[in-house]
PDB file of N, CA and C in Angstrom:
ATOM      1  N   MET A   1      86.899  92.686 111.709  1.00  0.00           N
ATOM      2  CA  MET A   1      85.615  93.216 111.317  1.00  0.00           C
ATOM      3  C   MET A   1      84.575  92.126 111.512  1.00  0.00           C
ATOM      4  N   GLU A   2      83.671  92.319 112.439  1.00  0.00           N
ATOM      5  CA  GLU A   2      82.749  91.272 112.824  1.00  0.00           C
ATOM      6  C   GLU A   2      81.664  90.985 111.806  1.00  0.00           C
ATOM      7  N   ASP A   3      81.382  91.885 110.887  1.00  0.00           N
ATOM      8  CA  ASP A   3      80.295  91.694 109.938  1.00  0.00           C
ATOM      9  C   ASP A   3      80.664  90.769 108.781  1.00  0.00           C
ATOM     10  N   LEU A   4      81.938  90.548 108.543  1.00  0.00           N
ATOM     11  CA  LEU A   4      82.357  89.709 107.430  1.00  0.00           C
ATOM     12  C   LEU A   4      82.263  88.257 107.848  1.00  0.00           C
ATOM     13  N   MET A   5      81.514  87.478 107.078  1.00  0.00           N
ATOM     14  CA  MET A   5      81.314  86.088 107.429  1.00  0.00           C
ATOM     15  C   MET A   5      81.573  85.210 106.225  1.00  0.00           C
ATOM     16  N   PRO A   6      82.779  84.643 106.117  1.00  0.00           N
ATOM     17  CA  PRO A   6      83.001  83.712 105.023  1.00  0.00           C
ATOM     18  C   PRO A   6      82.169  82.453 105.258  1.00  0.00           C
ATOM     19  N   MET A   7      81.483  82.007 104.245  1.00  0.00           N
ATOM     20  CA  MET A   7      80.669  80.809 104.347  1.00  0.00           C
ATOM     21  C   MET A   7      80.924  79.966 103.112  1.00  0.00           C
ATOM     22  N   SER A   8      81.267  78.706 103.292  1.00  0.00           N
ATOM     23  CA  SER A   8      81.468  77.826 102.151  1.00  0.00           C
ATOM     24  C   SER A   8      80.203  77.020 101.929  1.00  0.00           C
ATOM     25  N   THR A   9      79.761  76.952 100.696  1.00  0.00           N
ATOM     26  CA  THR A   9      78.575  76.172 100.387  1.00  0.00           C
ATOM     27  C   THR A   9      78.902  75.003  99.461  1.00  0.00           C
ATOM     28  N   HIS A  10      79.954  75.111  98.721  1.00  0.00           N
ATOM     29  CA  HIS A  10      80.320  74.108  97.731  1.00  0.00           C
ATOM     30  C   HIS A  10      81.800  74.310  97.428  1.00  0.00           C
ATOM     31  N   PRO A  11      82.527  73.242  97.098  1.00  0.00           N
ATOM     32  CA  PRO A  11      83.963  73.418  96.827  1.00  0.00           C
ATOM     33  C   PRO A  11      84.277  74.426  95.727  1.00  0.00           C
ATOM     34  N   SER A  12      83.381  74.588  94.759  1.00  0.00           N
ATOM     35  CA  SER A  12      83.655  75.527  93.675  1.00  0.00           C
ATOM     36  C   SER A  12      82.935  76.859  93.874  1.00  0.00           C
ATOM     37  N   GLU A  13      82.360  77.063  95.064  1.00  0.00           N
ATOM     38  CA  GLU A  13      81.684  78.323  95.363  1.00  0.00           C
ATOM     39  C   GLU A  13      81.981  78.731  96.799  1.00  0.00           C
ATOM     40  N   LYS A  14      82.410  79.955  96.949  1.00  0.00           N
ATOM     41  CA  LYS A  14      82.647  80.526  98.279  1.00  0.00           C
ATOM     42  C   LYS A  14      81.715  81.707  98.442  1.00  0.00           C
ATOM     43  N   VAL A  15      81.157  81.860  99.641  1.00  0.00           N
ATOM     44  CA  VAL A  15      80.209  82.938  99.912  1.00  0.00           C
ATOM     45  C   VAL A  15      80.775  83.836 100.998  1.00  0.00           C
ATOM     46  N   LEU A  16      80.707  85.134 100.760  1.00  0.00           N
ATOM     47  CA  LEU A  16      81.172  86.126 101.725  1.00  0.00           C
ATOM     48  C   LEU A  16      80.043  87.108 101.995  1.00  0.00           C
ATOM     49  N   ALA A  17      79.639  87.212 103.259  1.00  0.00           N
ATOM     50  CA  ALA A  17      78.617  88.187 103.643  1.00  0.00           C
ATOM     51  C   ALA A  17      79.281  89.548 103.802  1.00  0.00           C
ATOM     52  N   ALA A  18      78.802  90.517 103.056  1.00  0.00           N
ATOM     53  CA  ALA A  18      79.349  91.878 103.124  1.00  0.00           C
ATOM     54  C   ALA A  18      78.829  92.581 104.378  1.00  0.00           C
ATOM     55  N   PRO A  19      79.570  93.568 104.868  1.00  0.00           N
ATOM     56  CA  PRO A  19      79.126  94.307 106.058  1.00  0.00           C
ATOM     57  C   PRO A  19      77.916  95.190 105.753  1.00  0.00           C
ATOM     58  N   GLU A  20      77.264  95.658 106.801  1.00  0.00           N
ATOM     59  CA  GLU A  20      76.089  96.521 106.639  1.00  0.00           C
ATOM     60  C   GLU A  20      76.439  97.796 105.880  1.00  0.00           C
ATOM     61  N   GLU A  21      77.612  98.348 106.169  1.00  0.00           N
ATOM     62  CA  GLU A  21      78.107  99.520 105.446  1.00  0.00           C
ATOM     63  C   GLU A  21      79.443  99.158 104.811  1.00  0.00           C
ATOM     64  N   LEU A  22      79.465  99.116 103.503  1.00  0.00           N
ATOM     65  CA  LEU A  22      80.689  98.792 102.770  1.00  0.00           C
ATOM     66  C   LEU A  22      81.272 100.099 102.267  1.00  0.00           C
ATOM     67  N   GLY A  23      82.335 100.532 102.927  1.00  0.00           N
ATOM     68  CA  GLY A  23      82.910 101.821 102.583  1.00  0.00           C
ATOM     69  C   GLY A  23      84.343 101.947 103.032  1.00  0.00           C
ATOM     70  N   LEU A  24      84.749 103.159 103.260  1.00  0.00           N
ATOM     71  CA  LEU A  24      86.134 103.476 103.589  1.00  0.00           C
ATOM     72  C   LEU A  24      86.636 102.700 104.801  1.00  0.00           C
ATOM     73  N   ASP A  25      85.817 102.595 105.835  1.00  0.00           N
ATOM     74  CA  ASP A  25      86.253 101.926 107.060  1.00  0.00           C
ATOM     75  C   ASP A  25      86.310 100.410 106.940  1.00  0.00           C
ATOM     76  N   SER A  26      85.533  99.841 106.043  1.00  0.00           N
ATOM     77  CA  SER A  26      85.441  98.381 105.974  1.00  0.00           C
ATOM     78  C   SER A  26      86.087  97.774 104.735  1.00  0.00           C
ATOM     79  N   ARG A  27      86.501  98.591 103.791  1.00  0.00           N
ATOM     80  CA  ARG A  27      86.952  98.056 102.497  1.00  0.00           C
ATOM     81  C   ARG A  27      88.185  97.167 102.589  1.00  0.00           C
ATOM     82  N   THR A  28      89.152  97.521 103.428  1.00  0.00           N
ATOM     83  CA  THR A  28      90.394  96.744 103.476  1.00  0.00           C
ATOM     84  C   THR A  28      90.148  95.336 104.000  1.00  0.00           C
ATOM     85  N   ALA A  29      89.440  95.227 105.108  1.00  0.00           N
ATOM     86  CA  ALA A  29      89.147  93.904 105.671  1.00  0.00           C
ATOM     87  C   ALA A  29      88.263  93.098 104.719  1.00  0.00           C
ATOM     88  N   PHE A  30      87.333  93.763 104.072  1.00  0.00           N
ATOM     89  CA  PHE A  30      86.447  93.095 103.123  1.00  0.00           C
ATOM     90  C   PHE A  30      87.234  92.551 101.931  1.00  0.00           C
ATOM     91  N   ARG A  31      88.098  93.376 101.368  1.00  0.00           N
ATOM     92  CA  ARG A  31      88.937  92.936 100.239  1.00  0.00           C
ATOM     93  C   ARG A  31      89.832  91.776 100.641  1.00  0.00           C
ATOM     94  N   ARG A  32      90.408  91.862 101.829  1.00  0.00           N
ATOM     95  CA  ARG A  32      91.289  90.797 102.322  1.00  0.00           C
ATOM     96  C   ARG A  32      90.515  89.478 102.443  1.00  0.00           C
ATOM     97  N   ALA A  33      89.328  89.531 103.032  1.00  0.00           N
ATOM     98  CA  ALA A  33      88.513  88.319 103.190  1.00  0.00           C
ATOM     99  C   ALA A  33      88.135  87.736 101.829  1.00  0.00           C
ATOM    100  N   ALA A  34      87.764  88.594 100.889  1.00  0.00           N
ATOM    101  CA  ALA A  34      87.401  88.134  99.549  1.00  0.00           C
ATOM    102  C   ALA A  34      88.600  87.511  98.838  1.00  0.00           C
ATOM    103  N   THR A  35      89.761  88.130  98.969  1.00  0.00           N
ATOM    104  CA  THR A  35      90.972  87.605  98.333  1.00  0.00           C
ATOM    105  C   THR A  35      91.319  86.227  98.883  1.00  0.00           C
ATOM    106  N   GLU A  36      91.195  86.053 100.192  1.00  0.00           N
ATOM    107  CA  GLU A  36      91.465  84.743 100.800  1.00  0.00           C
ATOM    108  C   GLU A  36      90.536  83.677 100.228  1.00  0.00           C
ATOM    109  N   LEU A  37      89.262  84.014 100.068  1.00  0.00           N
ATOM    110  CA  LEU A  37      88.317  83.048  99.509  1.00  0.00           C
ATOM    111  C   LEU A  37      88.619  82.759  98.041  1.00  0.00           C
ATOM    112  N   LEU A  38      88.980  83.776  97.275  1.00  0.00           N
ATOM    113  CA  LEU A  38      89.336  83.560  95.868  1.00  0.00           C
ATOM    114  C   LEU A  38      90.529  82.617  95.751  1.00  0.00           C
ATOM    115  N   GLU A  39      91.487  82.755  96.660  1.00  0.00           N
ATOM    116  CA  GLU A  39      92.677  81.904  96.617  1.00  0.00           C
ATOM    117  C   GLU A  39      92.359  80.458  96.965  1.00  0.00           C
ATOM    118  N   GLN A  40      91.252  80.221  97.648  1.00  0.00           N
ATOM    119  CA  GLN A  40      90.844  78.856  97.982  1.00  0.00           C
ATOM    120  C   GLN A  40      90.196  78.140  96.800  1.00  0.00           C
ATOM    121  N   LEU A  41      89.767  78.906  95.811  1.00  0.00           N
ATOM    122  CA  LEU A  41      89.136  78.322  94.630  1.00  0.00           C
ATOM    123  C   LEU A  41      90.192  78.000  93.581  1.00  0.00           C
ATOM    124  N   GLY A  42      90.035  76.893  92.904  1.00  0.00           N
ATOM    125  CA  GLY A  42      90.959  76.543  91.841  1.00  0.00           C
ATOM    126  C   GLY A  42      90.816  77.509  90.678  1.00  0.00           C
ATOM    127  N   GLU A  43      91.933  77.802  90.029  1.00  0.00           N
ATOM    128  CA  GLU A  43      91.894  78.749  88.911  1.00  0.00           C
ATOM    129  C   GLU A  43      90.946  78.250  87.831  1.00  0.00           C
ATOM    130  N   GLY A  44      90.041  79.125  87.409  1.00  0.00           N
ATOM    131  CA  GLY A  44      89.089  78.791  86.359  1.00  0.00           C
ATOM    132  C   GLY A  44      87.986  77.847  86.789  1.00  0.00           C
ATOM    133  N   ALA A  45      87.889  77.601  88.092  1.00  0.00           N
ATOM    134  CA  ALA A  45      86.930  76.592  88.551  1.00  0.00           C
ATOM    135  C   ALA A  45      86.109  77.077  89.732  1.00  0.00           C
ATOM    136  N   GLY A  46      85.320  78.092  89.518  1.00  0.00           N
ATOM    137  CA  GLY A  46      84.443  78.471  90.613  1.00  0.00           C
ATOM    138  C   GLY A  46      84.032  79.919  90.590  1.00  0.00           C
ATOM    139  N   ARG A  47      83.354  80.279  91.676  1.00  0.00           N
ATOM    140  CA  ARG A  47      82.888  81.651  91.794  1.00  0.00           C
ATOM    141  C   ARG A  47      82.822  82.069  93.247  1.00  0.00           C
ATOM    142  N   LEU A  48      82.961  83.365  93.424  1.00  0.00           N
ATOM    143  CA  LEU A  48      82.808  83.985  94.733  1.00  0.00           C
ATOM    144  C   LEU A  48      81.457  84.680  94.742  1.00  0.00           C
ATOM    145  N   VAL A  49      80.639  84.340  95.727  1.00  0.00           N
ATOM    146  CA  VAL A  49      79.343  84.985  95.893  1.00  0.00           C
ATOM    147  C   VAL A  49      79.471  85.982  97.038  1.00  0.00           C
ATOM    148  N   ILE A  50      79.187  87.236  96.757  1.00  0.00           N
ATOM    149  CA  ILE A  50      79.187  88.270  97.788  1.00  0.00           C
ATOM    150  C   ILE A  50      77.734  88.525  98.156  1.00  0.00           C
ATOM    151  N   ASP A  51      77.395  88.176  99.391  1.00  0.00           N
ATOM    152  CA  ASP A  51      76.024  88.314  99.876  1.00  0.00           C
ATOM    153  C   ASP A  51      75.814  89.735 100.380  1.00  0.00           C
ATOM    154  N   LEU A  52      75.014  90.489  99.650  1.00  0.00           N
ATOM    155  CA  LEU A  52      74.744  91.884  99.991  1.00  0.00           C
ATOM    156  C   LEU A  52      73.390  92.060 100.673  1.00  0.00           C
ATOM    157  N   SER A  53      72.760  90.968 101.073  1.00  0.00           N
ATOM    158  CA  SER A  53      71.412  91.075 101.637  1.00  0.00           C
ATOM    159  C   SER A  53      71.375  91.869 102.937  1.00  0.00           C
ATOM    160  N   GLY A  54      72.477  91.909 103.665  1.00  0.00           N
ATOM    161  CA  GLY A  54      72.536  92.688 104.897  1.00  0.00           C
ATOM    162  C   GLY A  54      73.200  94.041 104.726  1.00  0.00           C
ATOM    163  N   THR A  55      73.567  94.377 103.495  1.00  0.00           N
ATOM    164  CA  THR A  55      74.268  95.633 103.221  1.00  0.00           C
ATOM    165  C   THR A  55      73.262  96.728 102.896  1.00  0.00           C
ATOM    166  N   ARG A  56      73.352  97.817 103.635  1.00  0.00           N
ATOM    167  CA  ARG A  56      72.417  98.925 103.445  1.00  0.00           C
ATOM    168  C   ARG A  56      73.050 100.099 102.707  1.00  0.00           C
ATOM    169  N   GLN A  57      74.386 100.186 102.734  1.00  0.00           N
ATOM    170  CA  GLN A  57      75.047 101.346 102.132  1.00  0.00           C
ATOM    171  C   GLN A  57      76.389 100.947 101.543  1.00  0.00           C
ATOM    172  N   ILE A  58      76.644 101.446 100.343  1.00  0.00           N
ATOM    173  CA  ILE A  58      77.949 101.281  99.697  1.00  0.00           C
ATOM    174  C   ILE A  58      78.361 102.652  99.184  1.00  0.00           C
ATOM    175  N   ASP A  59      79.583 103.070  99.534  1.00  0.00           N
ATOM    176  CA  ASP A  59      80.078 104.344  99.009  1.00  0.00           C
ATOM    177  C   ASP A  59      81.108 104.065  97.914  1.00  0.00           C
ATOM    178  N   SER A  60      81.766 105.106  97.449  1.00  0.00           N
ATOM    179  CA  SER A  60      82.718 104.942  96.343  1.00  0.00           C
ATOM    180  C   SER A  60      83.869 104.012  96.717  1.00  0.00           C
ATOM    181  N   ALA A  61      84.298 104.038  97.971  1.00  0.00           N
ATOM    182  CA  ALA A  61      85.365 103.126  98.407  1.00  0.00           C
ATOM    183  C   ALA A  61      84.878 101.679  98.354  1.00  0.00           C
ATOM    184  N   GLY A  62      83.631 101.457  98.718  1.00  0.00           N
ATOM    185  CA  GLY A  62      83.054 100.116  98.648  1.00  0.00           C
ATOM    186  C   GLY A  62      82.926  99.635  97.218  1.00  0.00           C
ATOM    187  N   LEU A  63      82.498 100.524  96.324  1.00  0.00           N
ATOM    188  CA  LEU A  63      82.427 100.166  94.904  1.00  0.00           C
ATOM    189  C   LEU A  63      83.815  99.842  94.363  1.00  0.00           C
ATOM    190  N   GLY A  64      84.806 100.626  94.791  1.00  0.00           N
ATOM    191  CA  GLY A  64      86.184 100.354  94.384  1.00  0.00           C
ATOM    192  C   GLY A  64      86.647  98.991  94.859  1.00  0.00           C
ATOM    193  N   ALA A  65      86.278  98.627  96.080  1.00  0.00           N
ATOM    194  CA  ALA A  65      86.641  97.310  96.614  1.00  0.00           C
ATOM    195  C   ALA A  65      86.005  96.204  95.777  1.00  0.00           C
ATOM    196  N   LEU A  66      84.740  96.366  95.417  1.00  0.00           N
ATOM    197  CA  LEU A  66      84.076  95.372  94.571  1.00  0.00           C
ATOM    198  C   LEU A  66      84.776  95.244  93.220  1.00  0.00           C
ATOM    199  N   MET A  67      85.183  96.375  92.641  1.00  0.00           N
ATOM    200  CA  MET A  67      85.878  96.337  91.355  1.00  0.00           C
ATOM    201  C   MET A  67      87.222  95.619  91.467  1.00  0.00           C
ATOM    202  N   LEU A  68      87.962  95.875  92.537  1.00  0.00           N
ATOM    203  CA  LEU A  68      89.253  95.204  92.723  1.00  0.00           C
ATOM    204  C   LEU A  68      89.069  93.703  92.931  1.00  0.00           C
ATOM    205  N   ILE A  69      88.046  93.330  93.670  1.00  0.00           N
ATOM    206  CA  ILE A  69      87.754  91.909  93.880  1.00  0.00           C
ATOM    207  C   ILE A  69      87.420  91.253  92.544  1.00  0.00           C
ATOM    208  N   GLN A  70      86.621  91.924  91.742  1.00  0.00           N
ATOM    209  CA  GLN A  70      86.257  91.375  90.438  1.00  0.00           C
ATOM    210  C   GLN A  70      87.488  91.232  89.545  1.00  0.00           C
ATOM    211  N   ARG A  71      88.378  92.207  89.596  1.00  0.00           N
ATOM    212  CA  ARG A  71      89.603  92.149  88.796  1.00  0.00           C
ATOM    213  C   ARG A  71      90.473  90.963  89.219  1.00  0.00           C
ATOM    214  N   LYS A  72      90.619  90.757  90.537  1.00  0.00           N
ATOM    215  CA  LYS A  72      91.406  89.613  91.023  1.00  0.00           C
ATOM    216  C   LYS A  72      90.769  88.298  90.584  1.00  0.00           C
ATOM    217  N   ALA A  73      89.446  88.247  90.635  1.00  0.00           N
ATOM    218  CA  ALA A  73      88.749  87.036  90.204  1.00  0.00           C
ATOM    219  C   ALA A  73      88.975  86.788  88.714  1.00  0.00           C
ATOM    220  N   ALA A  74      88.878  87.830  87.911  1.00  0.00           N
ATOM    221  CA  ALA A  74      89.065  87.691  86.463  1.00  0.00           C
ATOM    222  C   ALA A  74      90.472  87.194  86.139  1.00  0.00           C
ATOM    223  N   GLU A  75      91.466  87.656  86.893  1.00  0.00           N
ATOM    224  CA  GLU A  75      92.843  87.196  86.681  1.00  0.00           C
ATOM    225  C   GLU A  75      92.957  85.692  86.903  1.00  0.00           C
ATOM    226  N   ARG A  76      92.108  85.153  87.770  1.00  0.00           N
ATOM    227  CA  ARG A  76      92.112  83.716  88.065  1.00  0.00           C
ATOM    228  C   ARG A  76      91.010  82.982  87.294  1.00  0.00           C
ATOM    229  N   ARG A  77      90.382  83.693  86.355  1.00  0.00           N
ATOM    230  CA  ARG A  77      89.278  83.149  85.551  1.00  0.00           C
ATOM    231  C   ARG A  77      88.143  82.627  86.428  1.00  0.00           C
ATOM    232  N   LEU A  78      87.815  83.423  87.436  1.00  0.00           N
ATOM    233  CA  LEU A  78      86.715  83.109  88.338  1.00  0.00           C
ATOM    234  C   LEU A  78      85.621  84.160  88.171  1.00  0.00           C
ATOM    235  N   THR A  79      84.448  83.845  88.633  1.00  0.00           N
ATOM    236  CA  THR A  79      83.295  84.728  88.528  1.00  0.00           C
ATOM    237  C   THR A  79      82.962  85.302  89.897  1.00  0.00           C
ATOM    238  N   VAL A  80      82.488  86.542  89.908  1.00  0.00           N
ATOM    239  CA  VAL A  80      81.984  87.148  91.141  1.00  0.00           C
ATOM    240  C   VAL A  80      80.492  87.390  90.960  1.00  0.00           C
ATOM    241  N   CYS A  81      79.732  86.903  91.906  1.00  0.00           N
ATOM    242  CA  CYS A  81      78.286  87.059  91.896  1.00  0.00           C
ATOM    243  C   CYS A  81      77.883  87.929  93.083  1.00  0.00           C
ATOM    244  N   LEU A  82      77.039  88.913  92.837  1.00  0.00           N
ATOM    245  CA  LEU A  82      76.490  89.740  93.909  1.00  0.00           C
ATOM    246  C   LEU A  82      75.077  89.243  94.175  1.00  0.00           C
ATOM    247  N   ARG A  83      74.862  88.762  95.395  1.00  0.00           N
ATOM    248  CA  ARG A  83      73.576  88.162  95.747  1.00  0.00           C
ATOM    249  C   ARG A  83      72.840  89.035  96.764  1.00  0.00           C
ATOM    250  N   GLY A  84      71.556  89.212  96.527  1.00  0.00           N
ATOM    251  CA  GLY A  84      70.709  89.847  97.523  1.00  0.00           C
ATOM    252  C   GLY A  84      70.823  91.354  97.626  1.00  0.00           C
ATOM    253  N   ALA A  85      71.312  92.009  96.586  1.00  0.00           N
ATOM    254  CA  ALA A  85      71.416  93.478  96.624  1.00  0.00           C
ATOM    255  C   ALA A  85      70.010  94.074  96.613  1.00  0.00           C
ATOM    256  N   ASN A  86      69.785  95.049  97.484  1.00  0.00           N
ATOM    257  CA  ASN A  86      68.471  95.695  97.502  1.00  0.00           C
ATOM    258  C   ASN A  86      68.315  96.585  96.268  1.00  0.00           C
ATOM    259  N   GLU A  87      67.128  97.142  96.110  1.00  0.00           N
ATOM    260  CA  GLU A  87      66.828  97.938  94.916  1.00  0.00           C
ATOM    261  C   GLU A  87      67.773  99.129  94.747  1.00  0.00           C
ATOM    262  N   GLU A  88      68.088  99.802  95.841  1.00  0.00           N
ATOM    263  CA  GLU A  88      68.984 100.962  95.771  1.00  0.00           C
ATOM    264  C   GLU A  88      70.385 100.558  95.335  1.00  0.00           C
ATOM    265  N   LEU A  89      70.885  99.445  95.871  1.00  0.00           N
ATOM    266  CA  LEU A  89      72.222  98.987  95.487  1.00  0.00           C
ATOM    267  C   LEU A  89      72.250  98.560  94.025  1.00  0.00           C
ATOM    268  N   ARG A  90      71.204  97.889  93.575  1.00  0.00           N
ATOM    269  CA  ARG A  90      71.135  97.499  92.165  1.00  0.00           C
ATOM    270  C   ARG A  90      71.125  98.738  91.265  1.00  0.00           C
ATOM    271  N   PHE A  91      70.361  99.760  91.666  1.00  0.00           N
ATOM    272  CA  PHE A  91      70.314 101.003  90.895  1.00  0.00           C
ATOM    273  C   PHE A  91      71.701 101.639  90.832  1.00  0.00           C
ATOM    274  N   LEU A  92      72.417 101.640  91.957  1.00  0.00           N
ATOM    275  CA  LEU A  92      73.767 102.203  91.997  1.00  0.00           C
ATOM    276  C   LEU A  92      74.700 101.444  91.056  1.00  0.00           C
ATOM    277  N   LEU A  93      74.588 100.119  91.022  1.00  0.00           N
ATOM    278  CA  LEU A  93      75.412  99.317  90.120  1.00  0.00           C
ATOM    279  C   LEU A  93      75.107  99.643  88.657  1.00  0.00           C
ATOM    280  N   VAL A  94      73.836  99.819  88.341  1.00  0.00           N
ATOM    281  CA  VAL A  94      73.453 100.174  86.968  1.00  0.00           C
ATOM    282  C   VAL A  94      73.944 101.577  86.632  1.00  0.00           C
ATOM    283  N   LEU A  95      73.741 102.504  87.553  1.00  0.00           N
ATOM    284  CA  LEU A  95      74.136 103.894  87.342  1.00  0.00           C
ATOM    285  C   LEU A  95      75.637 104.024  87.071  1.00  0.00           C
ATOM    286  N   THR A  96      76.439 103.230  87.777  1.00  0.00           N
ATOM    287  CA  THR A  96      77.894 103.279  87.627  1.00  0.00           C
ATOM    288  C   THR A  96      78.408 102.300  86.566  1.00  0.00           C
ATOM    289  N   LYS A  97      77.467 101.625  85.899  1.00  0.00           N
ATOM    290  CA  LYS A  97      77.781 100.661  84.839  1.00  0.00           C
ATOM    291  C   LYS A  97      78.624  99.484  85.341  1.00  0.00           C
ATOM    292  N   LEU A  98      78.487  99.162  86.611  1.00  0.00           N
ATOM    293  CA  LEU A  98      79.201  98.020  87.177  1.00  0.00           C
ATOM    294  C   LEU A  98      78.370  96.746  87.121  1.00  0.00           C
ATOM    295  N   ASP A  99      77.100  96.870  86.771  1.00  0.00           N
ATOM    296  CA  ASP A  99      76.233  95.695  86.728  1.00  0.00           C
ATOM    297  C   ASP A  99      76.700  94.675  85.690  1.00  0.00           C
ATOM    298  N   ASP A 100      77.398  95.115  84.660  1.00  0.00           N
ATOM    299  CA  ASP A 100      77.898  94.198  83.633  1.00  0.00           C
ATOM    300  C   ASP A 100      79.110  93.391  84.090  1.00  0.00           C
ATOM    301  N   LEU A 101      79.779  93.834  85.144  1.00  0.00           N
ATOM    302  CA  LEU A 101      80.977  93.138  85.622  1.00  0.00           C
ATOM    303  C   LEU A 101      80.658  91.932  86.496  1.00  0.00           C
ATOM    304  N   PHE A 102      79.440  91.886  87.021  1.00  0.00           N
ATOM    305  CA  PHE A 102      79.082  90.876  88.010  1.00  0.00           C
ATOM    306  C   PHE A 102      77.845  90.101  87.578  1.00  0.00           C
ATOM    307  N   GLU A 103      77.763  88.859  88.056  1.00  0.00           N
ATOM    308  CA  GLU A 103      76.490  88.151  88.010  1.00  0.00           C
ATOM    309  C   GLU A 103      75.653  88.747  89.131  1.00  0.00           C
ATOM    310  N   LEU A 104      74.378  88.947  88.902  1.00  0.00           N
ATOM    311  CA  LEU A 104      73.490  89.462  89.941  1.00  0.00           C
ATOM    312  C   LEU A 104      72.430  88.412  90.234  1.00  0.00           C
ATOM    313  N   GLU A 105      72.242  88.110  91.524  1.00  0.00           N
ATOM    314  CA  GLU A 105      71.226  87.153  91.956  1.00  0.00           C
ATOM    315  C   GLU A 105      70.375  87.785  93.032  1.00  0.00           C
ATOM    316  N   SER A 106      69.107  87.439  93.041  1.00  0.00           N
ATOM    317  CA  SER A 106      68.272  87.871  94.153  1.00  0.00           C
ATOM    318  C   SER A 106      68.439  86.854  95.283  1.00  0.00           C
ATOM    319  N   GLY A 107      67.844  87.120  96.417  1.00  0.00           N
ATOM    320  CA  GLY A 107      67.980  86.217  97.553  1.00  0.00           C
ATOM    321  C   GLY A 107      69.060  86.677  98.487  1.00  0.00           C
ATOM    322  N   GLY A 108      69.428  85.836  99.436  1.00  0.00           N
ATOM    323  CA  GLY A 108      70.468  86.197 100.394  1.00  0.00           C
ATOM    324  C   GLY A 108      70.505  85.255 101.563  1.00  0.00           C
ATOM    325  N   ARG A 109      71.134  85.746 102.627  1.00  0.00           N
ATOM    326  CA  ARG A 109      71.341  84.953 103.836  1.00  0.00           C
ATOM    327  C   ARG A 109      70.091  84.233 104.193  1.00  0.00           C
TER     328      ARG A 109
END
């Protein structure tokens, strides 16, 4: 999947650029990339930043992928931050009550 771009910014922070459309077709590769980055972080020592600044659409499969990533991070006592979500994506997170599971940051790539 060409849209997924793991980017390291700091040893205790890994950044993953989400695809333009996060859904049924992209969820498996996205989850795999996120899991690999989580495994690179020491347990209890870091966070995964998912850059959503280039993401225009998330469906239920994409939301499910985000929830699974957050669950894996929590098992390792790590934090997941969603960065650069547009207004519609933020509204969707609030509507589905997922905004409490993640740190939310503005900005992006």
